[in-house]
Protein backbone atom coordinates (compact mmCIF):
# COMPACT_ATOMS: atom_id res chain seq x y z
CA MET A 1 -31.26 -9.51 -18.29
CA LYS A 2 -28.64 -11.01 -20.15
CA LEU A 3 -26.97 -7.46 -20.51
CA ILE A 4 -27.05 -6.73 -16.70
CA ILE A 5 -25.56 -10.05 -16.19
CA THR A 6 -22.60 -9.45 -18.67
CA SER A 7 -21.88 -5.99 -17.24
CA LEU A 8 -21.87 -7.42 -13.84
CA THR A 9 -19.38 -9.98 -14.80
CA ILE A 10 -17.36 -7.59 -16.43
CA CYS A 11 -17.65 -4.97 -13.39
CA LEU A 12 -16.64 -8.29 -11.51
CA LEU A 13 -13.58 -9.33 -13.61
CA ALA A 14 -12.90 -5.55 -13.54
CA ALA A 15 -12.78 -5.62 -9.94
CA GLY A 16 -10.59 -8.90 -9.28
CA ALA A 17 -7.76 -7.23 -11.59
CA TRP A 18 -7.81 -4.51 -10.00
CA ALA A 19 -7.29 -6.27 -6.58
CA GLN A 20 -4.39 -8.45 -7.73
CA ASP A 21 -2.21 -5.55 -9.66
CA ILE A 22 -0.30 -4.83 -5.94
CA ASP A 23 0.74 -7.92 -4.15
CA TRP A 24 -0.53 -7.03 -0.70
CA GLN A 25 0.82 -8.45 2.20
CA LYS A 26 -1.12 -8.98 5.24
CA ASN A 27 1.91 -9.50 7.33
CA TYR A 28 4.55 -6.90 8.57
CA ASP A 29 7.19 -9.16 9.66
CA THR A 30 6.68 -11.30 6.55
CA ALA A 31 6.98 -8.33 4.36
CA LEU A 32 10.16 -7.45 6.07
CA GLU A 33 11.54 -10.68 5.16
CA GLN A 34 10.62 -10.24 1.75
CA ALA A 35 12.11 -7.04 1.68
CA LYS A 36 15.64 -8.41 3.12
CA LYS A 37 15.50 -11.06 0.17
CA GLY A 38 14.58 -8.53 -2.67
CA LYS A 39 16.61 -5.64 -1.40
CA LYS A 40 13.74 -3.61 -1.22
CA LEU A 41 11.65 -0.97 0.82
CA VAL A 42 8.42 -1.75 2.63
CA MET A 43 5.79 0.59 2.31
CA VAL A 44 2.76 0.18 5.35
CA ASP A 45 -0.75 1.37 4.33
CA ILE A 46 -2.30 1.72 7.62
CA TYR A 47 -5.97 2.19 7.26
CA THR A 48 -9.45 1.25 8.50
CA ASP A 49 -12.83 0.12 6.90
CA TRP A 50 -14.44 3.42 7.33
CA CYS A 51 -12.12 5.83 6.08
CA GLY A 52 -13.28 7.30 3.02
CA TRP A 53 -9.88 8.71 2.16
CA CYS A 54 -8.39 5.18 2.38
CA LYS A 55 -10.89 4.04 0.10
CA LYS A 56 -9.90 6.76 -2.60
CA LEU A 57 -6.48 5.83 -2.40
CA ASP A 58 -7.45 2.12 -3.25
CA ARG A 59 -9.65 3.00 -6.02
CA ASP A 60 -7.80 6.48 -7.35
CA THR A 61 -4.12 5.90 -6.30
CA TYR A 62 -3.25 2.90 -6.21
CA SER A 63 -5.18 0.91 -9.48
CA ASP A 64 -2.74 3.52 -11.32
CA LYS A 65 -0.17 1.57 -13.50
CA ASP A 66 2.50 3.79 -13.03
CA VAL A 67 2.36 3.41 -8.75
CA GLN A 68 1.77 -0.24 -9.29
CA ALA A 69 4.97 -0.47 -11.57
CA LYS A 70 6.92 1.70 -8.85
CA LEU A 71 5.60 -0.27 -5.95
CA ALA A 72 6.58 -3.49 -7.59
CA LYS A 73 9.93 -2.26 -8.52
CA ASP A 74 11.31 -1.10 -5.43
CA PHE A 75 8.68 -1.81 -2.67
CA ILE A 76 7.13 -4.58 -0.79
CA ALA A 77 3.56 -3.27 0.18
CA VAL A 78 1.73 -4.19 3.24
CA LYS A 79 -2.04 -3.03 4.20
CA VAL A 80 -2.60 -3.13 7.76
CA ASN A 81 -5.98 -2.62 9.66
CA PRO A 82 -5.13 -1.77 13.55
CA GLU A 83 -9.05 -2.30 14.24
CA LYS A 84 -8.50 -5.85 13.08
CA SER A 85 -5.62 -7.03 14.89
CA ALA A 86 -3.40 -6.88 17.78
CA ALA A 87 -0.35 -6.85 15.48
CA GLY A 88 -1.91 -3.85 13.45
CA GLN A 89 -2.71 -1.56 16.66
CA LYS A 90 1.05 -2.13 17.90
CA LEU A 91 2.06 -0.88 14.23
CA GLN A 92 -0.28 1.84 14.82
CA GLN A 93 1.12 3.19 18.15
CA GLN A 94 4.83 2.43 16.91
CA PHE A 95 4.73 4.50 13.96
CA GLY A 96 2.48 6.88 15.55
CA ALA A 97 -0.44 6.89 13.35
CA ARG A 98 -3.68 9.27 14.51
CA GLY A 99 -5.27 9.75 11.14
CA TYR A 100 -5.90 7.76 8.05
CA PRO A 101 -4.61 6.60 5.78
CA PHE A 102 -1.13 6.76 7.01
CA ILE A 103 1.82 5.27 5.05
CA VAL A 104 5.15 4.52 6.43
CA ILE A 105 8.10 3.74 4.47
CA VAL A 106 10.87 1.48 6.43
CA ASP A 107 13.64 -0.10 5.57
CA ALA A 108 13.92 -3.97 5.63
CA ASP A 109 15.19 -4.01 9.53
CA GLY A 110 11.92 -1.59 10.14
CA LYS A 111 13.38 1.45 10.75
CA LYS A 112 11.06 4.24 9.68
CA ILE A 113 12.12 6.37 6.87
CA SER A 114 9.62 8.64 5.83
CA GLN A 115 5.78 8.67 6.30
CA ILE A 116 2.68 10.06 4.28
CA VAL A 117 -0.31 11.10 6.09
CA GLY A 118 -3.46 11.48 4.44
CA TYR A 119 -4.76 11.06 0.42
CA ARG A 120 -1.96 11.30 -2.32
CA PRO A 121 -3.48 11.43 -5.92
CA ALA A 122 -1.40 9.06 -8.02
CA ALA A 123 1.61 11.70 -9.32
CA ALA A 124 2.06 12.81 -5.73
CA LEU A 125 2.28 9.49 -4.29
CA LEU A 126 4.75 8.43 -6.88
CA GLN A 127 6.86 11.60 -6.22
CA GLU A 128 7.13 10.73 -3.22
CA LEU A 129 7.77 7.28 -3.49
CA ALA A 130 10.69 8.11 -6.09
CA GLN A 131 12.33 10.32 -3.44
CA VAL A 132 12.56 7.46 -0.94
CA ALA A 133 13.54 4.75 -3.11
CA LYS A 134 16.52 6.55 -4.23
CA PRO A 135 19.16 5.10 -2.02
CA THR A 136 17.63 1.95 -2.74
CA SER A 137 17.91 2.10 -6.40
CA ALA A 138 21.54 3.10 -6.26
CA LYS A 139 22.27 -0.17 -4.90
């Protein structure tokens, strides 16, 4: 019994640490404000709770330390579930998301720069983020 409790505690601590590795914003407008202040881009992850590929992206790609470092350096990351709010639905329509996961990169003014449709493993997402962030890094 003690082993089960210890294992469960370790799993919960690991899950808590994983969830905190990316400073996910929940509000798009707040993310834009932070991007202006920090001279960063905004990465909008449009997802749903039932999307298996979205969960895989969270579990396998966003947990990668290099992805986390790239996001922290050049981006404000925001998660939006269009099934949970009117604001989320509006963003889904604005960006033309028809499937999930759907990632949109915008500048601090909300101008769409790039989009990524579907799941990406860590290395592929890193390449795409680096390509998009090149103009930002040059500033």
